N, C-alpha and C. Protein backbone atom coordinates (compact mmCIF):
# COMPACT_ATOMS: atom_id res chain seq x y z
N UNK A 1 172.52 12.51 -22.81
CA UNK A 1 171.14 12.87 -22.38
C UNK A 1 170.48 13.97 -23.05
N UNK A 2 171.43 14.98 -23.20
CA UNK A 2 171.03 16.14 -24.22
C UNK A 2 170.60 15.86 -25.54
N UNK A 3 171.24 14.96 -26.27
CA UNK A 3 170.88 14.47 -27.68
C UNK A 3 169.36 13.72 -27.53
N UNK A 4 169.23 12.95 -26.56
CA UNK A 4 167.87 12.16 -26.18
C UNK A 4 167.09 13.17 -25.95
N UNK A 5 167.04 14.26 -25.24
CA UNK A 5 165.92 15.14 -25.01
C UNK A 5 165.68 15.79 -26.55
N UNK A 6 166.69 16.34 -27.01
CA UNK A 6 166.76 17.12 -28.19
C UNK A 6 165.68 16.33 -29.35
N UNK A 7 166.18 15.07 -29.53
CA UNK A 7 165.62 14.30 -30.38
C UNK A 7 164.23 14.07 -30.04
N UNK A 8 163.96 13.88 -28.67
CA UNK A 8 162.51 13.53 -28.28
C UNK A 8 161.64 14.61 -28.53
N UNK A 9 162.16 15.92 -28.41
CA UNK A 9 161.38 17.20 -28.47
C UNK A 9 161.22 17.36 -29.92
N UNK A 10 162.18 17.13 -30.80
CA UNK A 10 161.94 17.19 -32.33
C UNK A 10 161.03 16.26 -32.64
N UNK A 11 160.97 15.01 -32.53
CA UNK A 11 160.12 13.95 -32.67
C UNK A 11 158.63 14.23 -32.32
N UNK A 12 158.58 14.58 -31.04
CA UNK A 12 157.15 14.78 -30.61
C UNK A 12 156.41 15.99 -30.96
N UNK A 13 157.23 17.03 -31.58
CA UNK A 13 156.53 18.22 -31.78
C UNK A 13 156.64 19.39 -30.66
N UNK A 14 155.68 20.19 -30.77
CA UNK A 14 155.64 21.38 -29.75
C UNK A 14 155.15 20.93 -28.35
N UNK A 15 154.20 20.01 -28.26
CA UNK A 15 153.37 19.80 -26.93
C UNK A 15 152.75 18.41 -26.81
N UNK A 16 153.43 17.43 -27.43
CA UNK A 16 152.64 16.24 -27.49
C UNK A 16 153.43 15.30 -26.45
N UNK A 17 152.77 15.17 -25.31
CA UNK A 17 153.47 14.36 -24.21
C UNK A 17 153.57 13.02 -24.39
N UNK A 18 152.54 12.38 -25.13
CA UNK A 18 152.43 11.05 -25.41
C UNK A 18 153.63 10.65 -26.22
N UNK A 19 153.88 11.40 -27.32
CA UNK A 19 155.07 11.17 -28.24
C UNK A 19 156.30 11.31 -27.59
N UNK A 20 156.45 12.38 -26.93
CA UNK A 20 157.63 12.64 -25.97
C UNK A 20 157.98 11.42 -25.17
N UNK A 21 156.89 10.93 -24.32
CA UNK A 21 157.14 9.87 -23.39
C UNK A 21 157.38 8.39 -24.11
N UNK A 22 156.80 8.43 -25.32
CA UNK A 22 157.02 7.07 -26.02
C UNK A 22 158.34 7.11 -26.50
N UNK A 23 158.87 8.04 -27.09
CA UNK A 23 160.34 8.34 -27.59
C UNK A 23 161.28 7.84 -26.41
N UNK A 24 161.11 8.71 -25.17
CA UNK A 24 161.93 8.40 -23.96
C UNK A 24 161.77 6.78 -23.58
N UNK A 25 160.66 6.37 -23.42
CA UNK A 25 160.42 4.79 -23.24
C UNK A 25 161.03 4.00 -24.14
N UNK A 26 160.94 4.32 -25.30
CA UNK A 26 161.63 3.37 -26.34
C UNK A 26 163.14 3.43 -26.25
N UNK A 27 163.79 4.25 -25.89
CA UNK A 27 164.98 4.58 -25.44
C UNK A 27 165.37 3.79 -24.29
N UNK A 28 164.69 3.84 -23.27
CA UNK A 28 164.75 3.17 -22.11
C UNK A 28 164.60 1.57 -22.38
N UNK A 29 163.70 1.23 -23.07
CA UNK A 29 163.72 -0.21 -23.62
C UNK A 29 164.81 -0.76 -24.16
N UNK A 30 165.50 0.08 -25.01
CA UNK A 30 166.72 -0.40 -25.57
C UNK A 30 168.01 -0.47 -24.75
N UNK A 31 167.88 0.44 -23.89
CA UNK A 31 169.25 1.04 -23.15
C UNK A 31 169.28 0.83 -21.52
N UNK A 32 167.86 0.61 -21.13
CA UNK A 32 167.88 0.44 -19.56
C UNK A 32 167.49 1.57 -19.08
N UNK A 33 167.57 1.54 -17.71
CA UNK A 33 167.16 2.64 -16.84
C UNK A 33 168.00 3.95 -17.12
N UNK A 34 167.50 5.24 -17.09
CA UNK A 34 168.08 6.29 -17.27
C UNK A 34 168.24 7.09 -16.00
N UNK A 35 169.55 7.47 -15.66
CA UNK A 35 169.93 8.28 -14.32
C UNK A 35 170.42 9.53 -14.93
N UNK A 36 169.61 10.59 -14.64
CA UNK A 36 170.15 11.81 -15.12
C UNK A 36 169.65 13.04 -14.28
N UNK A 37 170.37 14.14 -14.42
CA UNK A 37 169.80 15.40 -13.56
C UNK A 37 169.15 16.17 -14.66
N UNK A 38 167.84 15.86 -15.05
CA UNK A 38 167.02 16.43 -16.08
C UNK A 38 167.15 17.91 -16.14
N UNK A 39 167.25 18.61 -14.93
CA UNK A 39 167.23 20.00 -15.10
C UNK A 39 168.52 20.56 -15.48
N UNK A 40 169.58 19.97 -15.27
CA UNK A 40 171.09 20.27 -15.80
C UNK A 40 171.00 19.71 -17.37
N UNK A 41 170.36 18.83 -17.59
CA UNK A 41 170.21 18.48 -19.20
C UNK A 41 169.47 19.36 -20.03
N UNK A 42 168.24 19.82 -19.21
CA UNK A 42 167.40 20.79 -19.92
C UNK A 42 168.16 22.11 -20.11
N UNK A 43 168.77 22.79 -19.05
CA UNK A 43 169.39 23.99 -19.19
C UNK A 43 170.58 23.82 -20.15
N UNK A 44 171.25 22.72 -20.20
CA UNK A 44 172.35 22.55 -21.05
C UNK A 44 171.74 22.79 -22.67
N UNK A 45 170.30 22.63 -22.86
CA UNK A 45 169.80 22.78 -24.17
C UNK A 45 169.89 24.26 -24.52
N UNK A 46 170.12 25.27 -23.72
CA UNK A 46 170.31 26.51 -24.14
C UNK A 46 171.47 26.74 -24.90
N UNK A 47 172.64 25.89 -24.61
CA UNK A 47 173.96 26.04 -25.22
C UNK A 47 174.05 26.15 -26.77
N UNK A 48 173.48 25.14 -27.30
CA UNK A 48 173.11 24.97 -28.79
C UNK A 48 172.53 26.40 -29.52
N UNK A 49 171.51 26.70 -28.70
CA UNK A 49 170.46 27.72 -29.30
C UNK A 49 171.37 29.02 -28.83
N UNK A 50 172.23 29.25 -27.91
CA UNK A 50 172.79 30.41 -27.78
C UNK A 50 173.94 30.43 -28.91
N UNK A 51 174.49 29.56 -29.22
CA UNK A 51 175.75 29.23 -30.28
C UNK A 51 175.07 29.85 -31.54
N UNK A 52 173.95 29.23 -31.85
CA UNK A 52 173.09 29.55 -33.19
C UNK A 52 172.75 31.16 -33.08
N UNK A 53 172.69 31.83 -32.07
CA UNK A 53 172.14 33.16 -31.81
C UNK A 53 173.50 33.99 -32.24
N UNK A 54 174.52 33.37 -31.56
CA UNK A 54 175.78 34.20 -31.69
C UNK A 54 176.13 34.27 -33.06
N UNK A 55 176.22 33.21 -34.01
CA UNK A 55 176.52 32.98 -35.40
C UNK A 55 175.76 34.03 -36.18
N UNK A 56 174.27 33.93 -35.86
CA UNK A 56 173.36 34.90 -36.63
C UNK A 56 173.57 36.26 -36.28
N UNK A 57 173.99 36.70 -34.90
CA UNK A 57 174.19 37.93 -34.79
C UNK A 57 175.49 38.52 -35.54
N UNK A 58 176.50 37.57 -35.78
CA UNK A 58 177.61 38.02 -36.46
C UNK A 58 177.28 38.17 -37.73
N UNK A 59 176.30 37.45 -38.35
CA UNK A 59 175.93 37.54 -39.81
C UNK A 59 175.18 38.86 -39.86
N UNK A 60 174.20 39.05 -39.20
CA UNK A 60 173.27 40.15 -38.91
C UNK A 60 174.15 41.50 -38.89
N UNK A 61 175.25 41.47 -38.30
CA UNK A 61 176.13 42.76 -38.12
C UNK A 61 177.30 42.70 -39.00
N UNK A 62 177.11 42.02 -39.99
CA UNK A 62 178.30 41.79 -41.04
C UNK A 62 179.67 41.53 -40.70
N UNK A 63 179.65 40.65 -39.51
CA UNK A 63 180.87 40.32 -39.02
C UNK A 63 181.23 38.94 -39.69
N UNK A 64 180.17 38.10 -40.24
CA UNK A 64 180.48 36.80 -40.96
C UNK A 64 179.37 36.81 -41.92
N UNK A 65 179.49 37.57 -42.82
CA UNK A 65 178.55 37.30 -44.10
C UNK A 65 179.21 37.98 -45.36
N UNK A 66 178.82 37.53 -46.58
CA UNK A 66 179.47 38.07 -47.67
C UNK A 66 178.47 38.87 -48.53
N UNK A 67 177.20 38.78 -48.18
CA UNK A 67 176.27 39.51 -49.11
C UNK A 67 175.07 40.01 -48.32
N UNK A 68 174.29 40.91 -48.97
CA UNK A 68 172.95 41.46 -48.17
C UNK A 68 171.99 40.23 -47.93
N UNK A 69 171.70 39.46 -48.71
CA UNK A 69 170.71 38.42 -48.43
C UNK A 69 171.37 37.64 -47.29
N UNK A 70 172.52 37.22 -47.08
CA UNK A 70 172.88 36.51 -45.93
C UNK A 70 172.78 37.38 -44.61
N UNK A 71 173.00 38.63 -44.67
CA UNK A 71 173.00 39.62 -43.63
C UNK A 71 171.36 39.53 -43.21
N UNK A 72 170.62 39.66 -44.36
CA UNK A 72 169.25 39.69 -43.89
C UNK A 72 168.76 38.35 -43.26
N UNK A 73 169.08 37.44 -43.63
CA UNK A 73 168.89 35.96 -43.21
C UNK A 73 169.21 35.98 -41.70
N UNK A 74 170.61 36.51 -41.49
CA UNK A 74 171.12 36.39 -40.07
C UNK A 74 170.26 37.16 -39.10
N UNK A 75 169.65 38.42 -39.57
CA UNK A 75 168.73 39.24 -38.88
C UNK A 75 167.50 38.49 -38.61
N UNK A 76 166.92 37.84 -39.46
CA UNK A 76 165.83 36.98 -39.45
C UNK A 76 165.99 35.82 -38.23
N UNK A 77 167.08 35.23 -38.50
CA UNK A 77 167.39 34.28 -37.59
C UNK A 77 167.55 34.60 -36.22
N UNK A 78 168.07 35.82 -35.94
CA UNK A 78 168.13 36.42 -34.60
C UNK A 78 166.89 36.61 -34.10
N UNK A 79 166.04 37.03 -34.76
CA UNK A 79 164.61 37.34 -34.16
C UNK A 79 163.91 36.00 -33.78
N UNK A 80 164.11 35.05 -34.62
CA UNK A 80 163.46 33.67 -34.50
C UNK A 80 164.12 33.14 -33.35
N UNK A 81 165.51 33.09 -33.12
CA UNK A 81 166.04 32.25 -32.08
C UNK A 81 165.88 32.93 -30.81
N UNK A 82 165.72 34.34 -30.67
CA UNK A 82 165.26 34.95 -29.37
C UNK A 82 164.10 34.34 -28.97
N UNK A 83 163.23 34.20 -30.05
CA UNK A 83 161.76 33.78 -29.42
C UNK A 83 161.95 32.38 -29.08
N UNK A 84 162.67 31.40 -29.84
CA UNK A 84 162.76 30.04 -29.61
C UNK A 84 163.36 30.08 -28.01
N UNK A 85 164.23 30.81 -27.72
CA UNK A 85 165.04 30.68 -26.55
C UNK A 85 163.88 30.97 -25.50
N UNK A 86 163.11 31.89 -25.58
CA UNK A 86 162.06 32.20 -24.58
C UNK A 86 160.98 31.07 -24.45
N UNK A 87 160.65 30.43 -25.58
CA UNK A 87 159.83 29.56 -25.53
C UNK A 87 160.39 28.14 -24.88
N UNK A 88 161.56 27.93 -25.16
CA UNK A 88 162.27 26.89 -24.59
C UNK A 88 162.32 27.06 -23.03
N UNK A 89 162.60 28.24 -22.79
CA UNK A 89 162.91 28.45 -21.20
C UNK A 89 161.45 28.39 -20.44
N UNK A 90 160.48 28.81 -21.12
CA UNK A 90 158.94 28.51 -20.61
C UNK A 90 158.61 27.22 -20.72
N UNK A 91 159.09 26.36 -21.31
CA UNK A 91 158.73 24.85 -21.39
C UNK A 91 159.55 24.04 -20.46
N UNK A 92 160.66 24.47 -20.02
CA UNK A 92 161.24 23.48 -19.11
C UNK A 92 160.57 23.05 -17.90
N UNK A 93 159.73 23.91 -17.31
CA UNK A 93 159.02 23.23 -15.98
C UNK A 93 158.08 22.05 -16.54
N UNK A 94 157.38 22.40 -17.68
CA UNK A 94 156.44 21.16 -18.19
C UNK A 94 157.39 20.09 -18.56
N UNK A 95 158.42 20.21 -19.28
CA UNK A 95 159.29 18.98 -19.47
C UNK A 95 159.94 18.35 -18.33
N UNK A 96 160.12 19.04 -17.26
CA UNK A 96 160.77 18.37 -16.04
C UNK A 96 159.55 17.79 -15.38
N UNK A 97 158.26 18.19 -15.58
CA UNK A 97 157.18 17.40 -15.03
C UNK A 97 157.09 16.02 -15.68
N UNK A 98 156.97 16.23 -16.95
CA UNK A 98 156.83 15.02 -17.72
C UNK A 98 157.75 14.06 -17.43
N UNK A 99 159.03 14.47 -17.42
CA UNK A 99 160.05 13.33 -17.04
C UNK A 99 160.05 12.91 -15.61
N UNK A 100 159.38 13.50 -14.82
CA UNK A 100 159.30 13.05 -13.39
C UNK A 100 158.14 12.09 -13.42
N UNK A 101 157.02 12.45 -14.22
CA UNK A 101 156.18 11.54 -14.35
C UNK A 101 156.51 10.14 -14.95
N UNK A 102 157.43 10.05 -15.78
CA UNK A 102 157.74 8.91 -16.46
C UNK A 102 158.48 7.66 -15.73
N UNK A 103 159.01 8.23 -14.32
CA UNK A 103 159.72 7.16 -13.53
C UNK A 103 158.82 5.98 -13.11
């Protein structure tokens, strides 16, 4: 279900409920009813983002990089990822509402 949500979010953009719902509905049409603990699924979405943050922190701190450009890229990614984590956390209530409305 995590991959389904991640793909639906990617496909629908930042806040297009109709596209998001259409994607989920299409999946349901092909695979049948979905039984999921959506809150747990959405919280699991932090896992990949935190892994990406860890990797880029290591690049930024010269723990896993080979040159200055890679180190600077790691630092930029750390800043972006922290912002994305906050945005994702803020979106969870909205996404839960969308998913609940689809039943």
